[in-house]
Protein backbone atom coordinates (compact mmCIF):
# COMPACT_ATOMS: atom_id res chain seq x y z
CA MET A 1 0.00 0.00 0.00
CA LEU A 2 2.83 2.42 0.83
CA GLY A 3 5.16 1.09 -1.82
CA ILE A 4 7.96 0.09 0.56
CA SER A 5 9.53 -3.31 0.93
CA ILE A 6 9.68 -5.35 4.13
CA ASN A 7 13.49 -5.23 3.92
CA TRP A 8 13.49 -1.43 3.80
CA LEU A 9 11.11 -1.28 6.77
CA GLN A 10 13.19 -3.73 8.83
CA ASN A 11 16.39 -1.78 8.09
CA TYR A 12 14.66 1.47 9.05
CA VAL A 13 13.42 0.02 12.36
CA ASN A 14 16.85 -1.48 13.14
CA LYS A 15 18.61 1.83 12.45
CA PHE A 16 16.08 3.75 14.55
CA TYR A 17 16.40 1.24 17.43
CA ARG A 18 20.20 1.59 17.44
CA SER A 19 19.84 5.39 17.68
CA ILE A 20 17.65 5.31 20.82
CA SER A 21 19.17 6.22 24.16
CA PHE A 22 18.12 3.85 26.92
CA GLU A 23 19.06 6.16 29.78
CA THR A 24 16.34 6.60 32.39
CA SER A 25 17.63 9.81 34.01
CA SER A 26 14.85 11.87 32.42
CA LEU A 27 12.25 9.81 34.30
CA ALA A 28 13.73 10.68 37.68
CA SER A 29 13.68 14.41 36.92
CA CYS A 30 10.00 14.50 35.96
CA ILE A 31 8.51 11.95 38.38
CA ASN A 32 6.51 14.61 40.27
CA SER A 33 4.84 15.86 37.10
CA LEU A 34 4.64 12.50 35.33
CA ILE A 35 1.39 11.81 33.51
CA LEU A 36 1.12 8.25 32.25
CA GLU A 37 -0.77 7.48 29.11
CA CYS A 38 -1.60 3.85 28.39
CA ASP A 39 -2.71 2.38 25.11
CA GLU A 40 -3.08 -0.96 23.41
CA LEU A 41 -2.49 -2.09 19.86
CA TRP A 42 -3.29 -5.47 18.42
CA SER A 43 -2.61 -7.55 15.38
CA PHE A 44 -2.84 -11.12 14.23
CA VAL A 45 0.31 -13.27 14.26
CA CYS A 46 0.36 -15.90 11.52
CA SER A 47 -3.44 -16.35 11.53
CA LYS A 48 -6.65 -14.70 12.65
CA ASP A 49 -6.85 -17.32 15.39
CA ASN A 50 -3.79 -15.78 17.09
CA PRO A 51 -4.38 -12.14 18.10
CA VAL A 52 -1.55 -10.50 20.05
CA TYR A 53 -1.90 -7.28 22.03
CA LEU A 54 0.82 -4.71 22.65
CA TRP A 55 0.22 -2.69 25.80
CA LEU A 56 2.18 0.58 26.04
CA SER A 57 2.82 3.00 28.91
CA LEU A 58 4.01 6.42 27.77
CA ASN A 59 5.09 9.65 29.41
CA ARG A 60 2.48 12.06 28.04
CA ASN A 61 4.86 15.04 28.12
CA THR A 62 7.90 13.49 26.41
CA LYS A 63 6.18 10.63 24.51
CA GLU A 64 8.83 8.26 25.89
CA ILE A 65 7.78 4.62 26.13
CA LEU A 66 8.20 3.68 29.79
CA GLY A 67 7.04 0.11 29.51
CA PHE A 68 5.34 -2.40 27.26
CA HIS A 69 3.83 -5.85 27.40
CA LEU A 70 2.97 -8.36 24.66
CA GLY A 71 0.15 -10.75 25.43
CA ASP A 72 -3.58 -11.29 25.52
CA ARG A 73 -6.37 -8.87 26.30
CA THR A 74 -6.96 -10.23 29.77
CA LYS A 75 -7.09 -8.45 33.11
CA LYS A 76 -3.92 -10.25 34.18
CA ASP A 77 -2.04 -9.06 31.10
CA ALA A 78 -3.30 -5.50 31.64
CA GLN A 79 -1.93 -5.53 35.21
CA ASP A 80 1.48 -6.95 34.18
């Protein structure tokens, strides 16, 4: 649909991932004004019988991803 190949996309994601800083010092400086935003995304893996959910926790101000979880759409998975 977008006219890009899977190889191009994988290379782009790999390059972007390598450029990310994994330091958590910014979290400590904004903990008093931290506003968490949580969201879920889902997709099928291999077949429509296998939905997988991606749960994200983001810092609303900086858009940093603070945590994630891959799993089902169950209460237990939401609490993990």
